Every structure is written in C-alpha cells, then in structure tokens.
C-alpha atoms as a PDB file:
ATOM      1  CA  MET A   1      -1.930  20.131  20.593  1.00  0.00           C
ATOM      2  CA  THR A   2       0.043  17.563  19.672  1.00  0.00           C
ATOM      3  CA  ASP A   3       1.276  17.184  15.702  1.00  0.00           C
ATOM      4  CA  LYS A   4      -1.210  13.891  15.690  1.00  0.00           C
ATOM      5  CA  GLU A   5      -4.173  15.436  17.356  1.00  0.00           C
ATOM      6  CA  ARG A   6      -3.231  18.648  14.547  1.00  0.00           C
ATOM      7  CA  TYR A   7      -3.013  16.024  11.567  1.00  0.00           C
ATOM      8  CA  ARG A   8      -6.102  13.902  12.605  1.00  0.00           C
ATOM      9  CA  ALA A   9      -7.697  17.571  12.350  1.00  0.00           C
ATOM     10  CA  PHE A  10      -6.116  18.700   9.641  1.00  0.00           C
ATOM     11  CA  ALA A  11      -7.116  15.311   7.834  1.00  0.00           C
ATOM     12  CA  GLU A  12     -11.062  15.885   8.542  1.00  0.00           C
ATOM     13  CA  GLN A  13     -10.855  18.979   5.786  1.00  0.00           C
ATOM     14  CA  GLU A  14      -7.600  17.489   3.568  1.00  0.00           C
ATOM     15  CA  LYS A  15      -9.600  15.964   0.639  1.00  0.00           C
ATOM     16  CA  ASN A  16      -6.317  15.064  -0.877  1.00  0.00           C
ATOM     17  CA  LEU A  17      -4.715  13.154   1.400  1.00  0.00           C
ATOM     18  CA  PRO A  18      -4.277   9.498   0.122  1.00  0.00           C
ATOM     19  CA  LEU A  19      -5.727   6.132   2.053  1.00  0.00           C
ATOM     20  CA  PHE A  20      -2.502   5.272   3.001  1.00  0.00           C
ATOM     21  CA  LEU A  21      -1.976   8.359   5.001  1.00  0.00           C
ATOM     22  CA  GLN A  22      -4.947   8.669   6.378  1.00  0.00           C
ATOM     23  CA  PRO A  23      -5.157   8.649  10.313  1.00  0.00           C
ATOM     24  CA  TRP A  24      -8.265   5.802  10.016  1.00  0.00           C
ATOM     25  CA  TRP A  25      -6.067   3.901   8.239  1.00  0.00           C
ATOM     26  CA  LEU A  26      -2.242   4.324  10.189  1.00  0.00           C
ATOM     27  CA  ASP A  27      -5.242   3.155  13.182  1.00  0.00           C
ATOM     28  CA  ALA A  28      -5.787   0.243  11.936  1.00  0.00           C
ATOM     29  CA  VAL A  29      -2.673  -0.996  10.661  1.00  0.00           C
ATOM     30  CA  THR A  30      -1.065  -0.923  13.931  1.00  0.00           C
ATOM     31  CA  GLU A  31      -3.294  -0.541  16.790  1.00  0.00           C
ATOM     32  CA  PRO A  32      -4.481  -4.004  16.907  1.00  0.00           C
ATOM     33  CA  ASP A  33      -0.715  -5.199  17.229  1.00  0.00           C
ATOM     34  CA  GLY A  34      -0.269  -2.865  20.247  1.00  0.00           C
ATOM     35  CA  LYS A  35       1.746  -0.938  17.827  1.00  0.00           C
ATOM     36  CA  GLN A  36       2.016   3.060  17.310  1.00  0.00           C
ATOM     37  CA  TRP A  37       1.933   5.690  15.014  1.00  0.00           C
ATOM     38  CA  GLU A  38       3.045   9.421  14.324  1.00  0.00           C
ATOM     39  CA  VAL A  39       3.466  11.704  11.940  1.00  0.00           C
ATOM     40  CA  LEU A  40       6.051  15.459  11.718  1.00  0.00           C
ATOM     41  CA  LEU A  41       5.151  18.341  10.343  1.00  0.00           C
ATOM     42  CA  ALA A  42       5.747  21.036   8.289  1.00  0.00           C
ATOM     43  CA  PHE A  43       3.779  24.747   8.082  1.00  0.00           C
ATOM     44  CA  ASN A  44       3.767  27.341   5.340  1.00  0.00           C
ATOM     45  CA  LYS A  45       4.359  30.960   6.925  1.00  0.00           C
ATOM     46  CA  GLN A  46       0.681  31.289   8.335  1.00  0.00           C
ATOM     47  CA  GLY A  47       0.727  27.904  10.620  1.00  0.00           C
ATOM     48  CA  GLU A  48      -1.235  25.808   7.863  1.00  0.00           C
ATOM     49  CA  THR A  49      -0.192  22.285   7.400  1.00  0.00           C
ATOM     50  CA  GLU A  50       1.963  22.142   4.562  1.00  0.00           C
ATOM     51  CA  ALA A  51       3.345  18.757   4.515  1.00  0.00           C
ATOM     52  CA  ALA A  52       3.004  15.817   6.612  1.00  0.00           C
ATOM     53  CA  LEU A  53       5.131  12.352   6.927  1.00  0.00           C
ATOM     54  CA  PRO A  54       3.548   9.618   9.228  1.00  0.00           C
ATOM     55  CA  TYR A  55       5.366   6.827  10.166  1.00  0.00           C
ATOM     56  CA  LEU A  56       5.189   3.197  12.309  1.00  0.00           C
ATOM     57  CA  ILE A  57       7.496   4.286  15.464  1.00  0.00           C
ATOM     58  CA  GLY A  58       8.827   1.642  17.989  1.00  0.00           C
ATOM     59  CA  LYS A  59      11.884  -0.346  19.061  1.00  0.00           C
ATOM     60  CA  LYS A  60      13.017  -3.494  18.758  1.00  0.00           C
ATOM     61  CA  LEU A  61      15.926  -4.724  20.309  1.00  0.00           C
ATOM     62  CA  GLY A  62      16.178  -1.855  21.576  1.00  0.00           C
ATOM     63  CA  LEU A  63      16.823  -0.066  18.162  1.00  0.00           C
ATOM     64  CA  ARG A  64      14.692   2.744  17.743  1.00  0.00           C
ATOM     65  CA  TYR A  65      12.896   2.562  14.221  1.00  0.00           C
ATOM     66  CA  MET A  66      10.790   4.699  12.011  1.00  0.00           C
ATOM     67  CA  LEU A  67       9.160   2.565   9.794  1.00  0.00           C
ATOM     68  CA  THR A  68       6.200   2.345   6.876  1.00  0.00           C
ATOM     69  CA  PRO A  69       3.477   0.193   8.506  1.00  0.00           C
ATOM     70  CA  GLN A  70       1.883  -3.303   7.537  1.00  0.00           C
ATOM     71  CA  LEU A  71      -0.564  -3.480   4.956  1.00  0.00           C
ATOM     72  CA  THR A  72      -0.019  -0.286   3.721  1.00  0.00           C
ATOM     73  CA  GLN A  73       1.934   0.192   0.354  1.00  0.00           C
ATOM     74  CA  TYR A  74       3.086   3.755   0.376  1.00  0.00           C
ATOM     75  CA  THR A  75       3.290   6.506   2.985  1.00  0.00           C
ATOM     76  CA  GLY A  76       6.353   8.898   2.718  1.00  0.00           C
ATOM     77  CA  VAL A  77       6.265  12.508   2.321  1.00  0.00           C
ATOM     78  CA  TRP A  78       3.386  14.182   1.376  1.00  0.00           C
ATOM     79  CA  ILE A  79       3.011  17.656   0.470  1.00  0.00           C
ATOM     80  CA  ARG A  80       0.151  20.080  -0.071  1.00  0.00           C
ATOM     81  CA  GLN A  81      -0.632  20.586  -3.183  1.00  0.00           C
ATOM     82  CA  GLN A  82      -0.595  24.298  -4.710  1.00  0.00           C
ATOM     83  CA  ALA A  83      -0.311  25.968  -8.433  1.00  0.00           C
ATOM     84  CA  GLU A  84       3.131  27.316  -8.539  1.00  0.00           C
ATOM     85  CA  LYS A  85       3.300  29.251 -11.875  1.00  0.00           C
ATOM     86  CA  ARG A  86       7.470  28.521 -11.828  1.00  0.00           C
ATOM     87  CA  THR A  87       8.840  25.172 -11.794  1.00  0.00           C
ATOM     88  CA  THR A  88      11.937  26.798  -9.403  1.00  0.00           C
ATOM     89  CA  ASP A  89       9.360  27.601  -6.777  1.00  0.00           C
ATOM     90  CA  GLN A  90       8.054  24.242  -6.912  1.00  0.00           C
ATOM     91  CA  LEU A  91      11.258  23.006  -6.276  1.00  0.00           C
ATOM     92  CA  GLU A  92      12.231  25.777  -3.718  1.00  0.00           C
ATOM     93  CA  ARG A  93       9.249  24.775  -1.615  1.00  0.00           C
ATOM     94  CA  GLU A  94       9.444  20.900  -1.818  1.00  0.00           C
ATOM     95  CA  LYS A  95      12.848  21.450  -0.648  1.00  0.00           C
ATOM     96  CA  LYS A  96      11.656  23.653   2.396  1.00  0.00           C
ATOM     97  CA  MET A  97       8.843  21.750   3.264  1.00  0.00           C
ATOM     98  CA  GLN A  98      11.220  18.396   3.064  1.00  0.00           C
ATOM     99  CA  THR A  99      14.323  19.936   4.739  1.00  0.00           C
ATOM    100  CA  ALA A 100      11.695  20.944   7.805  1.00  0.00           C
ATOM    101  CA  LEU A 101      10.778  16.831   8.177  1.00  0.00           C
ATOM    102  CA  ILE A 102      14.600  15.477   7.569  1.00  0.00           C
ATOM    103  CA  GLU A 103      15.570  18.167  10.840  1.00  0.00           C
ATOM    104  CA  GLN A 104      13.034  16.462  12.779  1.00  0.00           C
ATOM    105  CA  ILE A 105      13.758  12.487  12.029  1.00  0.00           C
ATOM    106  CA  HIS A 106      17.869  13.783  12.845  1.00  0.00           C
ATOM    107  CA  VAL A 107      15.604  15.034  16.085  1.00  0.00           C
ATOM    108  CA  ILE A 108      14.219  11.476  16.832  1.00  0.00           C
ATOM    109  CA  ARG A 109      17.487   9.759  15.663  1.00  0.00           C
ATOM    110  CA  PRO A 110      16.050   6.037  14.707  1.00  0.00           C
ATOM    111  CA  ALA A 111      18.556   3.395  14.388  1.00  0.00           C
ATOM    112  CA  LEU A 112      16.615   2.133  11.247  1.00  0.00           C
ATOM    113  CA  PHE A 113      14.449   4.375   9.220  1.00  0.00           C
ATOM    114  CA  GLU A 114      12.859   2.682   5.943  1.00  0.00           C
ATOM    115  CA  LEU A 115      10.151   4.134   4.496  1.00  0.00           C
ATOM    116  CA  ARG A 116       8.125   3.297   1.023  1.00  0.00           C
ATOM    117  CA  PHE A 117       7.417   6.841  -1.009  1.00  0.00           C
ATOM    118  CA  PRO A 118       4.554   6.691  -3.788  1.00  0.00           C
ATOM    119  CA  PRO A 119       5.007   6.818  -7.749  1.00  0.00           C
ATOM    120  CA  GLN A 120       3.846  10.352  -7.766  1.00  0.00           C
ATOM    121  CA  TYR A 121       7.201  11.368  -5.019  1.00  0.00           C
ATOM    122  CA  THR A 122       9.960  12.003  -7.060  1.00  0.00           C
ATOM    123  CA  ASN A 123      11.795  14.780  -5.649  1.00  0.00           C
ATOM    124  CA  TRP A 124      14.067  13.131  -2.744  1.00  0.00           C
ATOM    125  CA  LEU A 125      16.871  15.292  -3.397  1.00  0.00           C
ATOM    126  CA  PRO A 126      16.809  16.877   0.319  1.00  0.00           C
ATOM    127  CA  PHE A 127      16.921  13.283   1.769  1.00  0.00           C
ATOM    128  CA  TYR A 128      20.258  13.032  -0.190  1.00  0.00           C
ATOM    129  CA  TRP A 129      21.521  15.847   0.871  1.00  0.00           C
ATOM    130  CA  ALA A 130      20.986  14.822   4.365  1.00  0.00           C
ATOM    131  CA  GLY A 131      22.780  11.686   4.089  1.00  0.00           C
ATOM    132  CA  PHE A 132      19.658   9.383   2.725  1.00  0.00           C
ATOM    133  CA  HIS A 133      19.841   6.684   0.843  1.00  0.00           C
ATOM    134  CA  GLN A 134      16.878   5.965  -1.808  1.00  0.00           C
ATOM    135  CA  GLU A 135      16.345   2.556  -3.483  1.00  0.00           C
ATOM    136  CA  THR A 136      14.345   2.447  -6.500  1.00  0.00           C
ATOM    137  CA  ARG A 137      11.078  -0.615  -6.502  1.00  0.00           C
ATOM    138  CA  TYR A 138       8.443  -1.318  -8.691  1.00  0.00           C
ATOM    139  CA  THR A 139       4.880  -1.829  -8.831  1.00  0.00           C
ATOM    140  CA  TYR A 140       2.415  -2.525 -11.499  1.00  0.00           C
ATOM    141  CA  ARG A 141      -0.335  -0.036 -12.256  1.00  0.00           C
ATOM    142  CA  ILE A 142      -3.533   0.162 -14.510  1.00  0.00           C
ATOM    143  CA  GLU A 143      -3.533   4.090 -14.337  1.00  0.00           C
ATOM    144  CA  ASP A 144      -7.006   4.186 -16.075  1.00  0.00           C
ATOM    145  CA  LEU A 145      -9.830   2.242 -15.150  1.00  0.00           C
ATOM    146  CA  SER A 146     -12.665   4.146 -16.952  1.00  0.00           C
ATOM    147  CA  ASN A 147     -12.716   2.323 -19.932  1.00  0.00           C
ATOM    148  CA  MET A 148     -12.898  -1.484 -19.090  1.00  0.00           C
ATOM    149  CA  GLU A 149     -12.907  -2.541 -22.767  1.00  0.00           C
ATOM    150  CA  LYS A 150      -9.467  -0.806 -23.111  1.00  0.00           C
ATOM    151  CA  VAL A 151      -8.582  -2.403 -20.141  1.00  0.00           C
ATOM    152  CA  TRP A 152      -9.128  -5.876 -21.065  1.00  0.00           C
ATOM    153  CA  SER A 153      -7.459  -4.880 -24.488  1.00  0.00           C
ATOM    154  CA  ALA A 154      -4.579  -4.581 -22.805  1.00  0.00           C
ATOM    155  CA  PHE A 155      -4.358  -8.347 -20.352  1.00  0.00           C
ATOM    156  CA  SER A 156      -2.299 -11.348 -22.252  1.00  0.00           C
ATOM    157  CA  TYR A 157      -3.865 -13.968 -24.308  1.00  0.00           C
ATOM    158  CA  ALA A 158      -3.303 -15.959 -21.321  1.00  0.00           C
ATOM    159  CA  LYS A 159      -4.851 -14.132 -19.301  1.00  0.00           C
ATOM    160  CA  GLN A 160      -8.122 -13.676 -21.033  1.00  0.00           C
ATOM    161  CA  LYS A 161      -8.001 -17.064 -21.510  1.00  0.00           C
ATOM    162  CA  GLN A 162      -7.742 -17.696 -18.108  1.00  0.00           C
ATOM    163  CA  ILE A 163     -10.847 -15.312 -17.135  1.00  0.00           C
ATOM    164  CA  ASN A 164     -13.027 -16.519 -19.796  1.00  0.00           C
ATOM    165  CA  LYS A 165     -12.525 -20.189 -18.693  1.00  0.00           C
ATOM    166  CA  ALA A 166     -12.653 -19.382 -14.922  1.00  0.00           C
ATOM    167  CA  LYS A 167     -15.888 -17.587 -15.129  1.00  0.00           C
ATOM    168  CA  ASP A 168     -18.269 -19.882 -16.880  1.00  0.00           C
ATOM    169  CA  GLU A 169     -16.694 -22.674 -13.920  1.00  0.00           C
ATOM    170  CA  LEU A 170     -16.853 -20.105 -10.466  1.00  0.00           C
ATOM    171  CA  LEU A 171     -19.133 -18.380  -8.541  1.00  0.00           C
ATOM    172  CA  ILE A 172     -17.809 -14.726  -7.715  1.00  0.00           C
ATOM    173  CA  ASP A 173     -19.467 -13.164  -4.240  1.00  0.00           C
ATOM    174  CA  TYR A 174     -18.121 -10.161  -2.080  1.00  0.00           C
ATOM    175  CA  SER A 175     -19.099 -11.519   1.171  1.00  0.00           C
ATOM    176  CA  MET A 176     -16.341 -14.085   2.323  1.00  0.00           C
ATOM    177  CA  SER A 177     -15.479 -13.363   6.173  1.00  0.00           C
ATOM    178  CA  THR A 178     -12.759 -11.801   7.229  1.00  0.00           C
ATOM    179  CA  ASP A 179     -12.432 -15.582   9.844  1.00  0.00           C
ATOM    180  CA  GLU A 180     -12.197 -17.497   5.666  1.00  0.00           C
ATOM    181  CA  PHE A 181     -10.062 -15.167   4.156  1.00  0.00           C
ATOM    182  CA  TYR A 182      -7.515 -15.596   6.910  1.00  0.00           C
ATOM    183  CA  ALA A 183      -7.512 -18.800   7.067  1.00  0.00           C
ATOM    184  CA  LEU A 184      -7.203 -19.211   3.587  1.00  0.00           C
ATOM    185  CA  GLN A 185      -4.165 -17.193   3.617  1.00  0.00           C
ATOM    186  CA  SER A 186      -2.555 -19.067   5.948  1.00  0.00           C
ATOM    187  CA  LYS A 187      -2.863 -22.383   4.711  1.00  0.00           C
ATOM    188  CA  GLN A 188      -1.223 -20.368   1.589  1.00  0.00           C
ATOM    189  CA  TRP A 189       2.182 -19.924   3.278  1.00  0.00           C
ATOM    190  CA  ALA A 190       1.705 -23.253   4.832  1.00  0.00           C
ATOM    191  CA  THR A 191       1.712 -25.124   2.040  1.00  0.00           C
ATOM    192  CA  LYS A 192       5.084 -23.178   1.384  1.00  0.00           C
ATOM    193  CA  GLY A 193       6.746 -24.178   4.767  1.00  0.00           C
ATOM    194  CA  GLU A 194       5.945 -20.705   5.994  1.00  0.00           C
ATOM    195  CA  ARG A 195       3.907 -19.060   8.281  1.00  0.00           C
ATOM    196  CA  ASN A 196       1.460 -15.719   8.234  1.00  0.00           C
ATOM    197  CA  VAL A 197       3.264 -13.034   8.796  1.00  0.00           C
ATOM    198  CA  LEU A 198       0.300 -10.903   9.425  1.00  0.00           C
ATOM    199  CA  SER A 199      -1.657 -11.483  12.650  1.00  0.00           C
ATOM    200  CA  LYS A 200      -4.684 -12.487  12.738  1.00  0.00           C
ATOM    201  CA  ARG A 201      -5.935  -9.573  14.893  1.00  0.00           C
ATOM    202  CA  LEU A 202      -4.299  -7.173  12.290  1.00  0.00           C
ATOM    203  CA  VAL A 203      -6.084  -8.696   8.901  1.00  0.00           C
ATOM    204  CA  GLU A 204      -9.220  -8.445  10.625  1.00  0.00           C
ATOM    205  CA  HIS A 205      -9.584  -5.603  11.374  1.00  0.00           C
ATOM    206  CA  VAL A 206      -7.882  -3.543   8.740  1.00  0.00           C
ATOM    207  CA  ILE A 207     -11.275  -5.497   6.348  1.00  0.00           C
ATOM    208  CA  GLU A 208     -13.687  -4.829   8.502  1.00  0.00           C
ATOM    209  CA  THR A 209     -12.746  -0.735   9.288  1.00  0.00           C
ATOM    210  CA  ALA A 210     -11.719  -0.593   5.640  1.00  0.00           C
ATOM    211  CA  ARG A 211     -15.618  -2.556   4.737  1.00  0.00           C
ATOM    212  CA  GLU A 212     -17.367  -0.096   7.177  1.00  0.00           C
ATOM    213  CA  ARG A 213     -16.008   2.986   5.774  1.00  0.00           C
ATOM    214  CA  GLY A 214     -17.174   1.553   2.326  1.00  0.00           C
ATOM    215  CA  GLN A 215     -13.500   1.480   1.005  1.00  0.00           C
ATOM    216  CA  GLY A 216     -12.999  -1.989   1.297  1.00  0.00           C
ATOM    217  CA  MET A 217     -13.946  -5.615   0.106  1.00  0.00           C
ATOM    218  CA  ILE A 218     -12.755  -9.206  -0.251  1.00  0.00           C
ATOM    219  CA  VAL A 219     -13.211 -10.513  -4.349  1.00  0.00           C
ATOM    220  CA  ARG A 220     -13.898 -14.212  -3.786  1.00  0.00           C
ATOM    221  CA  ALA A 221     -14.439 -16.900  -6.776  1.00  0.00           C
ATOM    222  CA  LYS A 222     -15.601 -20.414  -5.602  1.00  0.00           C
ATOM    223  CA  ASP A 223     -16.809 -23.706  -7.196  1.00  0.00           C
ATOM    224  CA  LYS A 224     -20.355 -24.703  -7.354  1.00  0.00           C
ATOM    225  CA  ASP A 225     -20.334 -27.713  -4.461  1.00  0.00           C
ATOM    226  CA  GLY A 226     -18.829 -23.534  -2.241  1.00  0.00           C
ATOM    227  CA  HIS A 227     -15.055 -24.330  -2.349  1.00  0.00           C
ATOM    228  CA  THR A 228     -13.035 -21.147  -2.151  1.00  0.00           C
ATOM    229  CA  HIS A 229     -10.419 -21.242  -5.251  1.00  0.00           C
ATOM    230  CA  ALA A 230      -9.359 -17.826  -4.548  1.00  0.00           C
ATOM    231  CA  ALA A 231      -9.737 -14.397  -2.847  1.00  0.00           C
ATOM    232  CA  ILE A 232      -8.191 -10.873  -2.779  1.00  0.00           C
ATOM    233  CA  PHE A 233      -8.776  -7.925  -0.446  1.00  0.00           C
ATOM    234  CA  VAL A 234      -8.687  -4.252  -2.425  1.00  0.00           C
ATOM    235  CA  ALA A 235      -9.064  -0.607  -0.597  1.00  0.00           C
ATOM    236  CA  TRP A 236      -9.624   2.337  -2.153  1.00  0.00           C
ATOM    237  CA  ASP A 237      -9.830   5.693  -2.001  1.00  0.00           C
ATOM    238  CA  GLU A 238     -11.106   7.980  -4.783  1.00  0.00           C
ATOM    239  CA  HIS A 239      -7.187   8.186  -6.899  1.00  0.00           C
ATOM    240  CA  SER A 240      -6.555   4.345  -6.871  1.00  0.00           C
ATOM    241  CA  ALA A 241      -7.524   1.199  -5.283  1.00  0.00           C
ATOM    242  CA  TYR A 242      -4.998  -1.212  -3.758  1.00  0.00           C
ATOM    243  CA  GLU A 243      -4.723  -4.819  -3.563  1.00  0.00           C
ATOM    244  CA  LEU A 244      -3.176  -5.692  -0.857  1.00  0.00           C
ATOM    245  CA  MET A 245      -3.597  -9.081   0.194  1.00  0.00           C
ATOM    246  CA  SER A 246      -4.377 -12.474  -2.117  1.00  0.00           C
ATOM    247  CA  ALA A 247      -4.919 -15.914  -0.335  1.00  0.00           C
ATOM    248  CA  ILE A 248      -4.949 -18.700  -3.346  1.00  0.00           C
ATOM    249  CA  HIS A 249      -6.052 -22.636  -2.027  1.00  0.00           C
ATOM    250  CA  PRO A 250      -3.166 -24.657  -3.182  1.00  0.00           C
ATOM    251  CA  ASP A 251      -5.178 -27.649  -4.552  1.00  0.00           C
ATOM    252  CA  PHE A 252      -6.703 -25.123  -7.072  1.00  0.00           C
ATOM    253  CA  ARG A 253      -4.205 -22.854  -8.524  1.00  0.00           C
ATOM    254  CA  ALA A 254      -4.946 -23.731 -11.954  1.00  0.00           C
ATOM    255  CA  SER A 255      -8.251 -22.579 -12.093  1.00  0.00           C
ATOM    256  CA  GLY A 256      -7.320 -19.119 -12.939  1.00  0.00           C
ATOM    257  CA  ALA A 257      -9.292 -18.132 -10.021  1.00  0.00           C
ATOM    258  CA  SER A 258      -6.989 -15.843  -8.866  1.00  0.00           C
ATOM    259  CA  THR A 259      -7.157 -14.005 -12.390  1.00  0.00           C
ATOM    260  CA  LEU A 260     -10.683 -13.467 -12.249  1.00  0.00           C
ATOM    261  CA  VAL A 261     -11.160 -12.241  -8.805  1.00  0.00           C
ATOM    262  CA  VAL A 262      -8.613  -9.571  -9.859  1.00  0.00           C
ATOM    263  CA  TRP A 263     -10.829  -8.788 -13.173  1.00  0.00           C
ATOM    264  CA  GLU A 264     -13.924  -8.748 -10.777  1.00  0.00           C
ATOM    265  CA  GLY A 265     -12.504  -6.145  -8.715  1.00  0.00           C
ATOM    266  CA  MET A 266     -11.495  -3.942 -11.595  1.00  0.00           C
ATOM    267  CA  LYS A 267     -14.880  -3.915 -12.409  1.00  0.00           C
ATOM    268  CA  ARG A 268     -16.559  -3.370  -9.730  1.00  0.00           C
ATOM    269  CA  LEU A 269     -14.632  -0.361  -8.824  1.00  0.00           C
ATOM    270  CA  SER A 270     -14.148   1.054 -12.502  1.00  0.00           C
ATOM    271  CA  LYS A 271     -16.934   3.991 -11.556  1.00  0.00           C
ATOM    272  CA  THR A 272     -15.462   4.628  -8.123  1.00  0.00           C
ATOM    273  CA  THR A 273     -11.892   5.233  -8.407  1.00  0.00           C
ATOM    274  CA  GLY A 274      -9.162   5.826 -11.163  1.00  0.00           C
ATOM    275  CA  ALA A 275      -6.882   3.361 -11.125  1.00  0.00           C
ATOM    276  CA  TRP A 276      -5.576   0.001  -9.542  1.00  0.00           C
ATOM    277  CA  ASP A 277      -2.655  -0.819  -8.112  1.00  0.00           C
ATOM    278  CA  PHE A 278      -0.918  -3.907  -7.732  1.00  0.00           C
ATOM    279  CA  GLU A 279       0.979  -3.145  -4.800  1.00  0.00           C
ATOM    280  CA  GLY A 280       3.967  -4.037  -6.125  1.00  0.00           C
ATOM    281  CA  SER A 281       6.609  -7.385  -6.243  1.00  0.00           C
ATOM    282  CA  MET A 282      10.164  -7.764  -6.750  1.00  0.00           C
ATOM    283  CA  ILE A 283       9.570 -11.329  -7.243  1.00  0.00           C
ATOM    284  CA  GLU A 284      10.043 -12.536 -10.500  1.00  0.00           C
ATOM    285  CA  SER A 285       7.122 -15.083 -10.863  1.00  0.00           C
ATOM    286  CA  VAL A 286       4.391 -12.206  -9.218  1.00  0.00           C
ATOM    287  CA  GLU A 287       5.753  -9.543 -11.607  1.00  0.00           C
ATOM    288  CA  ASN A 288       4.918 -11.823 -14.583  1.00  0.00           C
ATOM    289  CA  SER A 289       1.835 -12.157 -13.703  1.00  0.00           C
ATOM    290  CA  PHE A 290       1.110  -8.554 -13.084  1.00  0.00           C
ATOM    291  CA  ARG A 291       2.662  -7.669 -16.402  1.00  0.00           C
ATOM    292  CA  GLN A 292       0.396  -9.671 -18.195  1.00  0.00           C
ATOM    293  CA  PHE A 293      -2.592  -7.540 -16.975  1.00  0.00           C
ATOM    294  CA  GLY A 294      -0.972  -4.922 -19.246  1.00  0.00           C
ATOM    295  CA  ALA A 295      -0.179  -2.606 -16.116  1.00  0.00           C
ATOM    296  CA  THR A 296       2.448  -0.038 -16.649  1.00  0.00           C
ATOM    297  CA  GLN A 297       5.810  -0.931 -14.832  1.00  0.00           C
ATOM    298  CA  THR A 298       5.768   2.139 -12.002  1.00  0.00           C
ATOM    299  CA  PRO A 299       9.102   2.959 -10.287  1.00  0.00           C
ATOM    300  CA  TYR A 300       8.384   4.080  -6.356  1.00  0.00           C
ATOM    301  CA  PHE A 301      11.240   5.092  -3.958  1.00  0.00           C
ATOM    302  CA  VAL A 302      12.174   3.824  -0.749  1.00  0.00           C
ATOM    303  CA  ILE A 303      14.125   6.142   1.536  1.00  0.00           C
ATOM    304  CA  THR A 304      16.698   4.785   4.289  1.00  0.00           C
ATOM    305  CA  LYS A 305      18.858   6.000   6.625  1.00  0.00           C
ATOM    306  CA  ASN A 306      20.267   3.242   9.204  1.00  0.00           C
ATOM    307  CA  ASP A 307      23.142   3.976  12.229  1.00  0.00           C
ATOM    308  CA  PHE A 308      25.760   1.321  12.918  1.00  0.00           C
ATOM    309  CA  LEU A 309      23.671  -0.767  14.718  1.00  0.00           C
ATOM    310  CA  GLY A 310      20.657  -0.247  12.324  1.00  0.00           C
ATOM    311  CA  LYS A 311      22.967  -1.629   9.707  1.00  0.00           C
ATOM    312  CA  LEU A 312      24.266  -4.832  12.031  1.00  0.00           C
ATOM    313  CA  TYR A 313      20.339  -5.732  12.846  1.00  0.00           C
ATOM    314  CA  HIS A 314      19.746  -5.383   9.336  1.00  0.00           C
ATOM    315  CA  LEU A 315      22.855  -7.987   8.686  1.00  0.00           C
ATOM    316  CA  CYS A 316      21.872 -10.467  11.535  1.00  0.00           C
ATOM    317  CA  LYS A 317      18.247 -10.881   9.975  1.00  0.00           C
ATOM    318  CA  ARG A 318      20.511 -12.091   6.115  1.00  0.00           C
END
C-alpha cells in the first residue's frame, strides 16, 4: 500500500482532518488540470499515522516542485491532536513528527518548495533548523458565527450601510451555474486587462464536487431584471467556511452586492460551521475590505526552501 492509499484510508476514519487536507478536495483541485498530489506520512511506534503533509507535486522547466494547490488556502503539516499533560511532551512530539516529514522532503529534493500552513500551526522550528525559510502572511477571520447579531455589530458602518441598501434592491439565490460563475469571474479579470489564472475545468469541477458533498455553495446577488451583480464561492467543513472565489460585474461595483453576498453566506452557514475565513490577501485595498467586516487579522506561515535553480526561477518570474 502506498502512502497515498494509506492516507485515503486514514482520512475515512480521522474526523479532525481539515477541509483542504481531505483526499476528495485534493483530487478536486488537481485532477481537472492533469496535476497530481502526494502526501508524506509520519507514524507512531504502533505504526499508526500521526502526521501528514499533502502537497502538489510536479515539474516546471525541468524543476521538481512541492507546492500548495490552487484554490487551497492551506495545506502544511497536520499532526494528530493528543492531550499531552506537559507542554514539553507536546513540543517533543511535534519536533519528532515534523523531523520525520522533513527527512522525506530532503529525499525528494525539490528545487521549489512552498507551502502555506494554517493559522493553527505555530511551531515551525523544526523547519527552521532544517534550513527552510518562513514568511508571515495574513488572513482575516471571524471566529464565531453562532451569534450573528454580534457579528453584524462588529461590521463597519460603511459595510452595514452597503448591506442595508443592497438588500432592498437585490435578490439572493444559490442556484448560479458553474458556467455562469466562471464567465463572470473571467469578465472581471478581463476588465483589468488580465486573464483568469484558473482554468474553467478546475473552477467547475471544484464547485460541483463541493456542492455534491454538501460542502460548497455559490451565493449570488442579482437585480429584478435578472442581471448578476456579484457572486462568491464558499467551501466549508465543520470548523470553518472559506471564501475561495469572488466575481463582481464591472458595471455594478457600486451596488453593494459584493458585501451583501458575504453577509448572506455567513447567515446561511452560521448553524453549519464555526468560523469564516476570508482567505487572506496582502493587497492593501482587499485587506481594507476584509477588515471592515470586523474580522480578526490572523497570521499564517508560508514555508519555503528553494535551491539555486529554484531561486533563479523565482527571479525570472518577477
């Protein structure tokens, strides 16, 4: 049995695996574009899986890479939760598990290694000791959706005003087709003079797969004439919802629809999941919008290690 097969079987039993580490999700974000994911595992003395590190594997310009797949906010290291009585025991176990995974990375010897780790991951010292580098980035999160009145009260006045205006003029539905969503998303990029970096096959497959599992939805706002103003795609597990894609019609940017669909998505999922993750952005204008939802600025790590050719490749991309 390969590690990937072992991991699939393990995921059927392990209820605490986050959304983005689920094999079905990793399949959905790689298979449409002919890409492949693999996983590294670490085991306890009884041979049971204690830690995992899924990743996108492939080659570009002859350089082997290990990356976080598209439409996947975090992968990184997952370590099985245990109730250690002492902090020293917990840190020792984290060191042991991560060291076992790092040794396997060194066997693969990727020219490009870059993975985004979830906010819950804080102990990257084993990677530091092994010569990896860390960059801190930020997402914005609302950690508790159970009290929507409290969530609303934390919104900025500007966001509340946009929602109150938009809800009187726009209709919300959850039936937007994947084809329509992708077309709107691509139209938004074209207005900026850019192309959609996501393939149509990928977007449609991810949305349809998540919908079939009851873990994904498109929230759309349209006017009484049927014109779509904005839409978002949200995926979730029992712990958090993730706003992974958005699309705004360039002619209706001022209608407040992009804010309304977020609010309606939160309300719809407030009894289904615990938190809302805006997926983060280091772009100043986007950060400003996320912050006005009353969300908490939350750091997460990007762990990298590139050899000379990998560094040269990054320089050439700039």
